[in-house]
PDB file of all heavy atoms in Angstrom:
ATOM      1  N   LEU A   1     -99.426  73.233  19.791  1.00  0.00           N
ATOM      2  CA  LEU A   1    -100.384  72.560  18.939  1.00  0.00           C
ATOM      3  C   LEU A   1    -100.271  73.026  17.476  1.00  0.00           C
ATOM      4  O   LEU A   1    -100.247  72.197  16.565  1.00  0.00           O
ATOM      5  CB  LEU A   1    -101.810  72.812  19.444  1.00  0.00           C
ATOM      6  CG  LEU A   1    -102.951  72.271  18.552  1.00  0.00           C
ATOM      7  CD1 LEU A   1    -102.883  70.748  18.467  1.00  0.00           C
ATOM      8  CD2 LEU A   1    -104.278  72.713  19.076  1.00  0.00           C
ATOM      9  N   ALA A   2    -100.034  74.284  17.244  1.00  0.00           N
ATOM     10  CA  ALA A   2     -99.976  74.833  15.888  1.00  0.00           C
ATOM     11  C   ALA A   2     -98.793  74.278  15.131  1.00  0.00           C
ATOM     12  O   ALA A   2     -98.841  73.734  14.076  1.00  0.00           O
ATOM     13  CB  ALA A   2     -99.932  76.333  15.943  1.00  0.00           C
ATOM     14  N   THR A   3     -97.615  74.365  15.800  1.00  0.00           N
ATOM     15  CA  THR A   3     -96.382  73.898  15.121  1.00  0.00           C
ATOM     16  C   THR A   3     -96.346  72.348  15.044  1.00  0.00           C
ATOM     17  O   THR A   3     -95.875  71.782  14.068  1.00  0.00           O
ATOM     18  CB  THR A   3     -95.129  74.360  15.874  1.00  0.00           C
ATOM     19  OG1 THR A   3     -95.180  74.006  17.258  1.00  0.00           O
ATOM     20  CG2 THR A   3     -95.064  75.921  15.788  1.00  0.00           C
ATOM     21  N   GLY A   4     -96.902  71.685  16.069  1.00  0.00           N
ATOM     22  CA  GLY A   4     -96.888  70.228  16.060  1.00  0.00           C
ATOM     23  C   GLY A   4     -97.776  69.692  14.965  1.00  0.00           C
ATOM     24  O   GLY A   4     -97.392  68.724  14.271  1.00  0.00           O
ATOM     25  N   ALA A   5     -98.928  70.322  14.751  1.00  0.00           N
ATOM     26  CA  ALA A   5     -99.844  69.884  13.675  1.00  0.00           C
ATOM     27  C   ALA A   5     -99.253  70.005  12.286  1.00  0.00           C
ATOM     28  O   ALA A   5     -99.338  69.146  11.445  1.00  0.00           O
ATOM     29  CB  ALA A   5    -101.209  70.594  13.775  1.00  0.00           C
ATOM     30  N   ILE A   6     -98.543  71.123  12.131  1.00  0.00           N
ATOM     31  CA  ILE A   6     -97.898  71.392  10.771  1.00  0.00           C
ATOM     32  C   ILE A   6     -96.768  70.433  10.547  1.00  0.00           C
ATOM     33  O   ILE A   6     -96.621  69.829   9.437  1.00  0.00           O
ATOM     34  CB  ILE A   6     -97.441  72.850  10.701  1.00  0.00           C
ATOM     35  CG1 ILE A   6     -98.628  73.769  10.724  1.00  0.00           C
ATOM     36  CG2 ILE A   6     -96.620  73.094   9.396  1.00  0.00           C
ATOM     37  CD1 ILE A   6     -98.240  75.232  10.960  1.00  0.00           C
ATOM     38  N   ALA A   7     -95.897  70.222  11.535  1.00  0.00           N
ATOM     39  CA  ALA A   7     -94.714  69.326  11.397  1.00  0.00           C
ATOM     40  C   ALA A   7     -95.246  67.879  11.143  1.00  0.00           C
ATOM     41  O   ALA A   7     -94.685  67.207  10.324  1.00  0.00           O
ATOM     42  CB  ALA A   7     -93.863  69.424  12.639  1.00  0.00           C
ATOM     43  N   ALA A   8     -96.300  67.494  11.907  1.00  0.00           N
ATOM     44  CA  ALA A   8     -96.778  66.134  11.757  1.00  0.00           C
ATOM     45  C   ALA A   8     -97.464  65.933  10.380  1.00  0.00           C
ATOM     46  O   ALA A   8     -97.288  64.950   9.700  1.00  0.00           O
ATOM     47  CB  ALA A   8     -97.768  65.786  12.835  1.00  0.00           C
ATOM     48  N   GLY A   9     -98.259  66.949  10.050  1.00  0.00           N
ATOM     49  CA  GLY A   9     -98.969  66.895   8.720  1.00  0.00           C
ATOM     50  C   GLY A   9     -98.001  66.839   7.547  1.00  0.00           C
ATOM     51  O   GLY A   9     -98.223  66.108   6.563  1.00  0.00           O
ATOM     52  N   GLY A  10     -96.896  67.553   7.695  1.00  0.00           N
ATOM     53  CA  GLY A  10     -95.859  67.525   6.660  1.00  0.00           C
ATOM     54  C   GLY A  10     -95.264  66.131   6.426  1.00  0.00           C
ATOM     55  O   GLY A  10     -94.863  65.779   5.284  1.00  0.00           O
ATOM     56  N   THR A  11     -95.173  65.290   7.483  1.00  0.00           N
ATOM     57  CA  THR A  11     -94.594  63.984   7.283  1.00  0.00           C
ATOM     58  C   THR A  11     -95.414  63.091   6.339  1.00  0.00           C
ATOM     59  O   THR A  11     -94.891  62.097   5.848  1.00  0.00           O
ATOM     60  CB  THR A  11     -94.522  63.276   8.641  1.00  0.00           C
ATOM     61  OG1 THR A  11     -95.793  62.967   9.206  1.00  0.00           O
ATOM     62  CG2 THR A  11     -93.662  64.041   9.615  1.00  0.00           C
ATOM     63  N   LEU A  12     -96.690  63.468   6.110  1.00  0.00           N
ATOM     64  CA  LEU A  12     -97.495  62.682   5.218  1.00  0.00           C
ATOM     65  C   LEU A  12     -96.925  62.609   3.817  1.00  0.00           C
ATOM     66  O   LEU A  12     -97.264  61.670   3.051  1.00  0.00           O
ATOM     67  CB  LEU A  12     -98.929  63.213   5.236  1.00  0.00           C
ATOM     68  CG  LEU A  12     -99.655  63.119   6.560  1.00  0.00           C
ATOM     69  CD1 LEU A  12    -100.994  63.941   6.484  1.00  0.00           C
ATOM     70  CD2 LEU A  12    -100.006  61.635   6.876  1.00  0.00           C
ATOM     71  N   GLY A  13     -96.143  63.598   3.468  1.00  0.00           N
ATOM     72  CA  GLY A  13     -95.523  63.636   2.122  1.00  0.00           C
ATOM     73  C   GLY A  13     -94.578  62.469   1.924  1.00  0.00           C
ATOM     74  O   GLY A  13     -94.230  62.121   0.756  1.00  0.00           O
ATOM     75  N   PHE A  14     -94.153  61.857   2.984  1.00  0.00           N
ATOM     76  CA  PHE A  14     -93.247  60.710   2.865  1.00  0.00           C
ATOM     77  C   PHE A  14     -93.979  59.384   2.650  1.00  0.00           C
ATOM     78  O   PHE A  14     -93.384  58.389   2.263  1.00  0.00           O
ATOM     79  CB  PHE A  14     -92.352  60.544   4.152  1.00  0.00           C
ATOM     80  CG  PHE A  14     -90.953  60.166   3.923  1.00  0.00           C
ATOM     81  CD1 PHE A  14     -90.087  61.012   3.225  1.00  0.00           C
ATOM     82  CD2 PHE A  14     -90.466  58.939   4.281  1.00  0.00           C
ATOM     83  CE1 PHE A  14     -88.777  60.696   3.006  1.00  0.00           C
ATOM     84  CE2 PHE A  14     -89.157  58.600   4.030  1.00  0.00           C
ATOM     85  CZ  PHE A  14     -88.296  59.496   3.410  1.00  0.00           C
ATOM     86  N   LEU A  15     -95.346  59.395   2.844  1.00  0.00           N
ATOM     87  CA  LEU A  15     -96.089  58.173   2.721  1.00  0.00           C
ATOM     88  C   LEU A  15     -97.171  58.230   1.609  1.00  0.00           C
ATOM     89  O   LEU A  15     -97.285  57.326   0.813  1.00  0.00           O
ATOM     90  CB  LEU A  15     -96.810  57.887   4.032  1.00  0.00           C
ATOM     91  CG  LEU A  15     -97.735  56.694   4.073  1.00  0.00           C
ATOM     92  CD1 LEU A  15     -97.007  55.374   3.817  1.00  0.00           C
ATOM     93  CD2 LEU A  15     -98.459  56.630   5.456  1.00  0.00           C
ATOM     94  N   ILE A  16     -97.886  59.338   1.602  1.00  0.00           N
ATOM     95  CA  ILE A  16     -98.950  59.478   0.537  1.00  0.00           C
ATOM     96  C   ILE A  16     -98.353  59.590  -0.820  1.00  0.00           C
ATOM     97  O   ILE A  16     -97.471  60.425  -1.051  1.00  0.00           O
ATOM     98  CB  ILE A  16     -99.842  60.677   0.887  1.00  0.00           C
ATOM     99  CG1 ILE A  16    -100.612  60.455   2.227  1.00  0.00           C
ATOM    100  CG2 ILE A  16    -100.840  60.936  -0.258  1.00  0.00           C
ATOM    101  CD1 ILE A  16    -101.426  61.635   2.632  1.00  0.00           C
ATOM    102  N   PRO A  17     -98.762  58.806  -1.754  1.00  0.00           N
ATOM    103  CA  PRO A  17     -98.198  58.854  -3.076  1.00  0.00           C
ATOM    104  C   PRO A  17     -98.540  60.199  -3.764  1.00  0.00           C
ATOM    105  O   PRO A  17     -99.634  60.743  -3.521  1.00  0.00           O
ATOM    106  CB  PRO A  17     -98.816  57.662  -3.834  1.00  0.00           C
ATOM    107  CG  PRO A  17    -100.110  57.341  -3.033  1.00  0.00           C
ATOM    108  CD  PRO A  17     -99.783  57.695  -1.621  1.00  0.00           C
ATOM    109  N   PRO A  18     -97.577  60.782  -4.506  1.00  0.00           N
ATOM    110  CA  PRO A  18     -96.346  60.195  -4.973  1.00  0.00           C
ATOM    111  C   PRO A  18     -95.269  60.426  -4.021  1.00  0.00           C
ATOM    112  O   PRO A  18     -94.478  61.395  -4.079  1.00  0.00           O
ATOM    113  CB  PRO A  18     -96.023  61.010  -6.286  1.00  0.00           C
ATOM    114  CG  PRO A  18     -96.648  62.391  -5.916  1.00  0.00           C
ATOM    115  CD  PRO A  18     -97.853  62.072  -5.101  1.00  0.00           C
ATOM    116  N   SER A  19     -95.040  59.496  -3.051  1.00  0.00           N
ATOM    117  CA  SER A  19     -94.097  59.615  -1.984  1.00  0.00           C
ATOM    118  C   SER A  19     -92.650  59.463  -2.483  1.00  0.00           C
ATOM    119  O   SER A  19     -92.336  58.450  -3.104  1.00  0.00           O
ATOM    120  CB  SER A  19     -94.411  58.547  -0.945  1.00  0.00           C
ATOM    121  OG  SER A  19     -93.277  58.244  -0.171  1.00  0.00           O
ATOM    122  N   ALA A  20     -91.825  60.428  -2.160  1.00  0.00           N
ATOM    123  CA  ALA A  20     -90.427  60.320  -2.507  1.00  0.00           C
ATOM    124  C   ALA A  20     -89.774  59.183  -1.787  1.00  0.00           C
ATOM    125  O   ALA A  20     -88.885  58.465  -2.285  1.00  0.00           O
ATOM    126  CB  ALA A  20     -89.698  61.604  -2.190  1.00  0.00           C
ATOM    127  N   GLY A  21     -90.217  58.905  -0.520  1.00  0.00           N
ATOM    128  CA  GLY A  21     -89.684  57.796   0.265  1.00  0.00           C
ATOM    129  C   GLY A  21     -90.024  56.424  -0.378  1.00  0.00           C
ATOM    130  O   GLY A  21     -89.129  55.517  -0.479  1.00  0.00           O
ATOM    131  N   LEU A  22     -91.220  56.289  -0.919  1.00  0.00           N
ATOM    132  CA  LEU A  22     -91.595  55.039  -1.555  1.00  0.00           C
ATOM    133  C   LEU A  22     -90.835  54.820  -2.892  1.00  0.00           C
ATOM    134  O   LEU A  22     -90.496  53.743  -3.288  1.00  0.00           O
ATOM    135  CB  LEU A  22     -93.141  54.967  -1.790  1.00  0.00           C
ATOM    136  CG  LEU A  22     -93.965  54.819  -0.544  1.00  0.00           C
ATOM    137  CD1 LEU A  22     -95.436  54.905  -0.900  1.00  0.00           C
ATOM    138  CD2 LEU A  22     -93.596  53.499   0.207  1.00  0.00           C
ATOM    139  N   VAL A  23     -90.594  55.936  -3.594  1.00  0.00           N
ATOM    140  CA  VAL A  23     -89.825  55.894  -4.850  1.00  0.00           C
ATOM    141  C   VAL A  23     -88.427  55.405  -4.617  1.00  0.00           C
ATOM    142  O   VAL A  23     -87.931  54.524  -5.228  1.00  0.00           O
ATOM    143  CB  VAL A  23     -89.784  57.309  -5.563  1.00  0.00           C
ATOM    144  CG1 VAL A  23     -88.839  57.239  -6.726  1.00  0.00           C
ATOM    145  CG2 VAL A  23     -91.193  57.688  -6.031  1.00  0.00           C
ATOM    146  N   ILE A  24     -87.737  55.993  -3.584  1.00  0.00           N
ATOM    147  CA  ILE A  24     -86.408  55.616  -3.232  1.00  0.00           C
ATOM    148  C   ILE A  24     -86.370  54.156  -2.789  1.00  0.00           C
ATOM    149  O   ILE A  24     -85.502  53.365  -3.172  1.00  0.00           O
ATOM    150  CB  ILE A  24     -85.752  56.571  -2.164  1.00  0.00           C
ATOM    151  CG1 ILE A  24     -85.759  57.988  -2.670  1.00  0.00           C
ATOM    152  CG2 ILE A  24     -84.404  56.074  -1.769  1.00  0.00           C
ATOM    153  CD1 ILE A  24     -84.909  58.172  -3.833  1.00  0.00           C
ATOM    154  N   TYR A  25     -87.332  53.756  -1.943  1.00  0.00           N
ATOM    155  CA  TYR A  25     -87.444  52.387  -1.466  1.00  0.00           C
ATOM    156  C   TYR A  25     -87.600  51.467  -2.647  1.00  0.00           C
ATOM    157  O   TYR A  25     -86.971  50.396  -2.698  1.00  0.00           O
ATOM    158  CB  TYR A  25     -88.602  52.242  -0.479  1.00  0.00           C
ATOM    159  CG  TYR A  25     -88.834  50.786  -0.004  1.00  0.00           C
ATOM    160  CD1 TYR A  25     -88.077  50.329   1.079  1.00  0.00           C
ATOM    161  CD2 TYR A  25     -89.708  49.962  -0.639  1.00  0.00           C
ATOM    162  CE1 TYR A  25     -88.281  49.029   1.565  1.00  0.00           C
ATOM    163  CE2 TYR A  25     -89.900  48.667  -0.174  1.00  0.00           C
ATOM    164  CZ  TYR A  25     -89.210  48.182   0.872  1.00  0.00           C
ATOM    165  OH  TYR A  25     -89.361  46.937   1.321  1.00  0.00           O
ATOM    166  N   GLY A  26     -88.471  51.828  -3.609  1.00  0.00           N
ATOM    167  CA  GLY A  26     -88.691  50.939  -4.755  1.00  0.00           C
ATOM    168  C   GLY A  26     -87.441  50.797  -5.631  1.00  0.00           C
ATOM    169  O   GLY A  26     -87.138  49.739  -6.151  1.00  0.00           O
ATOM    170  N   ILE A  27     -86.641  51.895  -5.748  1.00  0.00           N
ATOM    171  CA  ILE A  27     -85.437  51.851  -6.545  1.00  0.00           C
ATOM    172  C   ILE A  27     -84.394  50.962  -5.871  1.00  0.00           C
ATOM    173  O   ILE A  27     -83.741  50.118  -6.492  1.00  0.00           O
ATOM    174  CB  ILE A  27     -84.844  53.220  -6.775  1.00  0.00           C
ATOM    175  CG1 ILE A  27     -85.845  54.070  -7.652  1.00  0.00           C
ATOM    176  CG2 ILE A  27     -83.502  53.195  -7.493  1.00  0.00           C
ATOM    177  CD1 ILE A  27     -86.079  53.548  -9.022  1.00  0.00           C
ATOM    178  N   VAL A  28     -84.227  51.142  -4.552  1.00  0.00           N
ATOM    179  CA  VAL A  28     -83.213  50.402  -3.789  1.00  0.00           C
ATOM    180  C   VAL A  28     -83.576  48.915  -3.783  1.00  0.00           C
ATOM    181  O   VAL A  28     -82.667  48.039  -3.901  1.00  0.00           O
ATOM    182  CB  VAL A  28     -83.107  50.958  -2.385  1.00  0.00           C
ATOM    183  CG1 VAL A  28     -82.191  50.054  -1.500  1.00  0.00           C
ATOM    184  CG2 VAL A  28     -82.530  52.363  -2.422  1.00  0.00           C
ATOM    185  N   THR A  29     -84.842  48.581  -3.580  1.00  0.00           N
ATOM    186  CA  THR A  29     -85.213  47.152  -3.434  1.00  0.00           C
ATOM    187  C   THR A  29     -85.644  46.507  -4.807  1.00  0.00           C
ATOM    188  O   THR A  29     -85.904  45.365  -4.838  1.00  0.00           O
ATOM    189  CB  THR A  29     -86.442  47.048  -2.420  1.00  0.00           C
ATOM    190  OG1 THR A  29     -87.503  47.761  -2.899  1.00  0.00           O
ATOM    191  CG2 THR A  29     -86.006  47.506  -1.040  1.00  0.00           C
TER     192      THR A  29
END
């Protein structure tokens, strides 16, 4: 539970702005 919560919570950085994933997607598209 401890490691799963941290790993899952970390993925929010790819979605919540200023998301690096959204920046790259915006540049590519």
